[in-house]
């Protein structure tokens, strides 16, 4: 369908995707000012479509507009990240409750098969990049079983906003993640909305001190290698 769009729109979308990938993986430094001239040169684009992409990203929360100073990348602030985790937990608990009512047995079979395949994948992912992708896919599939596209959109958008922090966290939590997914599916099968909701909240929720420590580790990754940025930007190229 996108192939039928005018070339100018497709080009604008590619610029948007590229800059969003840079922002959500902190290839653009957290809290730093976006140098539009340098970024346009780096991407090989004019400033008009770049400014459109920056406006869009600001409306979605990735960038912060500053009066007469353009845009800044949203800082890695523990309190803001905690607020996003709390929002994500509330969304996913609501989605799970609807999934308990609406998901068919066949749909739950598919979700369980996905979780099992994810758990049994070879553990050769030193940077947890594939694990992060599988985790996001599980939660987006789970939101889809609510039968409400708004839940899916909200989960996807929130995942993008906290992707970097979740990746750092995932590298230390890889052992239990997939087993927790299977436990959630088991209670969905039992149509036990209360327990499924409790498990998803426990699976997602983080304390402020935990987030602060993850961010501390994350800053080291940003300025020494940032494998997530390299991985995501390769996909957005």
Protein backbone atom coordinates (compact mmCIF):
# COMPACT_ATOMS: atom_id res chain seq x y z
CA UNK A 1 0.00 0.00 0.00
CA UNK A 2 2.85 2.40 0.83
CA UNK A 3 4.17 1.92 -2.71
CA UNK A 4 1.14 3.85 -4.00
CA UNK A 5 2.00 6.91 -1.91
CA UNK A 6 3.66 9.89 -3.58
CA UNK A 7 7.45 9.76 -3.51
CA UNK A 8 7.62 12.89 -1.33
CA UNK A 9 5.49 11.23 1.36
CA UNK A 10 7.53 8.04 1.26
CA UNK A 11 10.71 10.09 1.59
CA UNK A 12 9.30 12.04 4.54
CA UNK A 13 8.32 8.78 6.23
CA UNK A 14 11.84 7.40 5.77
CA UNK A 15 13.32 10.53 7.36
CA UNK A 16 10.85 10.26 10.24
CA UNK A 17 11.68 6.57 10.78
CA UNK A 18 15.39 7.25 10.75
CA UNK A 19 15.29 10.15 13.19
CA UNK A 20 12.90 8.29 15.51
CA UNK A 21 15.29 5.35 15.57
CA UNK A 22 18.09 7.74 16.52
CA UNK A 23 16.00 9.36 19.25
CA UNK A 24 14.53 6.24 20.87
CA UNK A 25 17.93 4.48 21.00
CA UNK A 26 19.73 7.65 22.13
CA UNK A 27 22.08 7.84 19.18
CA UNK A 28 21.01 11.46 19.67
CA UNK A 29 22.34 12.27 23.13
CA UNK A 30 19.72 12.39 25.91
CA UNK A 31 18.92 15.95 26.88
CA UNK A 32 21.00 17.28 24.00
CA UNK A 33 19.92 19.91 21.49
CA UNK A 34 19.15 18.66 17.99
CA UNK A 35 21.45 20.41 15.55
CA UNK A 36 19.16 20.54 12.52
CA UNK A 37 21.87 21.68 10.08
CA UNK A 38 24.24 18.89 11.09
CA UNK A 39 21.47 16.26 11.19
CA UNK A 40 20.22 17.24 7.73
CA UNK A 41 23.78 16.96 6.42
CA UNK A 42 24.26 13.59 8.12
CA UNK A 43 21.04 12.19 6.64
CA UNK A 44 21.56 13.82 3.25
CA UNK A 45 18.17 15.56 3.29
CA UNK A 46 16.83 19.10 3.17
CA UNK A 47 15.70 20.84 6.34
CA UNK A 48 12.00 21.08 5.36
CA UNK A 49 11.16 17.34 5.58
CA UNK A 50 13.52 17.04 8.55
CA UNK A 51 11.64 19.78 10.39
CA UNK A 52 8.36 17.96 9.64
CA UNK A 53 9.82 14.78 11.15
CA UNK A 54 11.03 16.68 14.22
CA UNK A 55 7.60 18.25 14.73
CA UNK A 56 5.98 14.83 14.54
CA UNK A 57 8.46 13.29 16.97
CA UNK A 58 7.91 16.14 19.41
CA UNK A 59 4.15 15.51 19.31
CA UNK A 60 4.83 11.84 20.14
CA UNK A 61 7.07 12.63 23.10
CA UNK A 62 10.47 11.67 21.71
CA UNK A 63 11.68 15.26 21.47
CA UNK A 64 11.02 18.40 23.52
CA UNK A 65 10.43 21.69 21.67
CA UNK A 66 12.20 24.67 23.22
CA UNK A 67 11.14 28.27 22.58
CA UNK A 68 13.37 29.74 19.85
CA UNK A 69 15.90 26.92 20.35
CA UNK A 70 14.51 24.11 18.21
CA UNK A 71 14.33 20.69 19.81
CA UNK A 72 16.03 18.72 22.54
CA UNK A 73 16.09 14.94 22.91
CA UNK A 74 14.03 13.87 25.89
CA UNK A 75 16.29 13.27 28.86
CA UNK A 76 16.71 9.91 30.54
CA UNK A 77 14.90 11.07 33.67
CA UNK A 78 14.07 8.27 36.16
CA UNK A 79 10.77 9.84 37.22
CA UNK A 80 9.60 10.21 33.60
CA UNK A 81 10.63 6.64 32.80
CA UNK A 82 8.80 5.39 35.90
CA UNK A 83 5.65 7.22 34.73
CA UNK A 84 5.88 5.40 31.38
CA UNK A 85 6.30 2.05 33.12
CA UNK A 86 3.23 2.77 35.27
CA UNK A 87 1.25 3.76 32.17
CA UNK A 88 2.37 0.62 30.34
CA UNK A 89 1.33 -1.58 33.28
CA UNK A 90 -2.13 0.01 33.41
CA UNK A 91 -2.62 -0.49 29.66
CA UNK A 92 -1.48 -4.09 29.65
CA UNK A 93 -3.53 -5.08 32.70
CA UNK A 94 -6.60 -3.70 30.95
CA UNK A 95 -5.68 -5.50 27.74
CA UNK A 96 -5.20 -8.80 29.54
CA UNK A 97 -8.60 -8.51 31.20
CA UNK A 98 -10.26 -8.06 27.80
CA UNK A 99 -8.18 -10.88 26.33
CA UNK A 100 -9.50 -13.21 29.05
CA UNK A 101 -13.02 -12.46 27.82
CA UNK A 102 -12.43 -12.30 24.08
CA UNK A 103 -9.46 -14.42 23.00
CA UNK A 104 -10.32 -17.74 21.38
CA UNK A 105 -8.59 -20.96 22.37
CA UNK A 106 -6.92 -21.00 18.94
CA UNK A 107 -5.54 -17.49 19.50
CA UNK A 108 -4.17 -18.53 22.88
CA UNK A 109 -2.62 -21.59 21.25
CA UNK A 110 -0.81 -19.24 18.89
CA UNK A 111 0.41 -16.97 21.70
CA UNK A 112 1.62 -19.95 23.70
CA UNK A 113 3.45 -21.38 20.68
CA UNK A 114 5.15 -18.03 20.16
CA UNK A 115 6.21 -17.86 23.83
CA UNK A 116 7.55 -21.43 23.73
CA UNK A 117 9.53 -20.78 20.55
CA UNK A 118 10.94 -17.63 22.10
CA UNK A 119 11.96 -19.48 25.24
CA UNK A 120 13.57 -22.32 23.31
CA UNK A 121 15.51 -20.11 20.88
CA UNK A 122 19.30 -20.63 21.13
CA UNK A 123 20.81 -18.32 23.74
CA UNK A 124 23.42 -16.80 21.44
CA UNK A 125 22.12 -13.24 21.78
CA UNK A 126 24.94 -11.68 23.78
CA UNK A 127 23.44 -8.18 23.59
CA UNK A 128 19.81 -9.33 24.17
CA UNK A 129 18.75 -7.55 20.97
CA UNK A 130 16.71 -10.47 19.63
CA UNK A 131 15.29 -11.10 23.11
CA UNK A 132 14.03 -7.52 23.24
CA UNK A 133 12.32 -7.93 19.84
CA UNK A 134 10.65 -11.17 20.94
CA UNK A 135 9.50 -9.58 24.19
CA UNK A 136 7.97 -6.61 22.38
CA UNK A 137 6.25 -8.94 19.91
CA UNK A 138 4.77 -11.01 22.74
CA UNK A 139 3.29 -7.97 24.45
CA UNK A 140 1.95 -6.56 21.19
CA UNK A 141 0.37 -9.92 20.31
CA UNK A 142 -1.12 -10.07 23.79
CA UNK A 143 -2.59 -6.59 23.37
CA UNK A 144 -4.06 -7.72 20.05
CA UNK A 145 -6.06 -10.43 21.83
CA UNK A 146 -8.02 -7.67 23.58
CA UNK A 147 -9.84 -7.14 20.28
CA UNK A 148 -9.25 -3.40 20.68
CA UNK A 149 -6.75 -1.72 18.36
CA UNK A 150 -6.31 1.20 20.76
CA UNK A 151 -4.59 -1.11 23.24
CA UNK A 152 -2.22 -2.29 20.51
CA UNK A 153 -1.36 1.26 19.47
CA UNK A 154 -0.77 2.32 23.08
CA UNK A 155 1.47 -0.68 23.84
CA UNK A 156 3.52 -0.18 20.66
CA UNK A 157 3.95 3.55 21.31
CA UNK A 158 4.98 3.02 24.93
CA UNK A 159 7.40 0.26 23.99
CA UNK A 160 9.13 2.66 21.62
CA UNK A 161 9.38 5.37 24.28
CA UNK A 162 11.11 3.05 26.78
CA UNK A 163 12.87 0.71 24.33
CA UNK A 164 16.38 1.73 25.37
CA UNK A 165 15.73 1.36 29.10
CA UNK A 166 13.94 -1.97 28.58
CA UNK A 167 16.90 -3.24 26.55
CA UNK A 168 19.39 -2.45 29.32
CA UNK A 169 17.03 -4.03 31.86
CA UNK A 170 16.50 -7.09 29.63
CA UNK A 171 20.20 -7.90 29.55
CA UNK A 172 20.07 -8.59 33.29
CA UNK A 173 16.66 -10.31 33.34
CA UNK A 174 16.83 -12.60 30.32
CA UNK A 175 16.54 -15.87 32.26
CA UNK A 176 13.00 -15.41 33.58
CA UNK A 177 11.30 -13.29 30.95
CA UNK A 178 9.96 -16.03 28.69
CA UNK A 179 8.83 -18.26 31.58
CA UNK A 180 6.84 -15.31 32.93
CA UNK A 181 5.16 -14.99 29.53
CA UNK A 182 4.12 -18.64 29.67
CA UNK A 183 2.68 -18.21 33.17
CA UNK A 184 0.56 -15.30 31.91
CA UNK A 185 -0.72 -17.42 29.01
CA UNK A 186 -1.56 -20.25 31.40
CA UNK A 187 -3.88 -18.01 33.42
CA UNK A 188 -5.38 -16.58 30.25
CA UNK A 189 -6.31 -20.16 29.30
CA UNK A 190 -7.99 -20.54 32.68
CA UNK A 191 -9.87 -17.27 32.02
CA UNK A 192 -8.51 -16.01 35.33
CA UNK A 193 -8.41 -12.27 34.62
CA UNK A 194 -7.41 -11.33 38.17
CA UNK A 195 -4.33 -13.55 38.30
CA UNK A 196 -3.32 -12.83 34.71
CA UNK A 197 -3.54 -9.12 35.51
CA UNK A 198 -1.47 -9.55 38.66
CA UNK A 199 1.21 -11.46 36.76
CA UNK A 200 1.43 -8.94 33.93
CA UNK A 201 1.75 -6.09 36.43
CA UNK A 202 4.51 -7.91 38.31
CA UNK A 203 6.22 -8.71 35.01
CA UNK A 204 6.23 -5.07 33.90
CA UNK A 205 6.49 -2.95 37.03
CA UNK A 206 9.78 -1.45 38.21
CA UNK A 207 10.71 0.63 41.25
CA UNK A 208 12.31 4.05 40.93
CA UNK A 209 15.62 2.81 42.35
CA UNK A 210 15.70 -0.01 39.78
CA UNK A 211 15.06 2.41 36.93
CA UNK A 212 17.72 4.80 38.25
CA UNK A 213 20.30 2.01 38.24
CA UNK A 214 19.33 0.87 34.73
CA UNK A 215 19.70 4.44 33.47
CA UNK A 216 23.12 4.71 35.12
CA UNK A 217 24.23 1.59 33.23
CA UNK A 218 22.54 2.88 30.08
CA UNK A 219 24.62 6.06 30.00
CA UNK A 220 27.73 3.92 29.88
CA UNK A 221 26.33 2.04 26.89
CA UNK A 222 25.39 5.25 25.08
CA UNK A 223 28.90 6.62 25.20
CA UNK A 224 30.85 3.39 24.64
CA UNK A 225 29.06 1.36 21.96
CA UNK A 226 25.26 1.41 21.94
CA UNK A 227 24.61 -1.89 20.19
CA UNK A 228 20.87 -1.19 20.24
CA UNK A 229 21.30 1.99 18.19
CA UNK A 230 23.44 0.18 15.63
CA UNK A 231 20.91 -2.66 15.39
CA UNK A 232 17.82 -0.46 15.07
CA UNK A 233 19.43 2.01 12.67
CA UNK A 234 20.48 -0.83 10.38
CA UNK A 235 16.81 -1.79 10.19
CA UNK A 236 15.69 1.78 9.55
CA UNK A 237 18.26 2.43 6.82
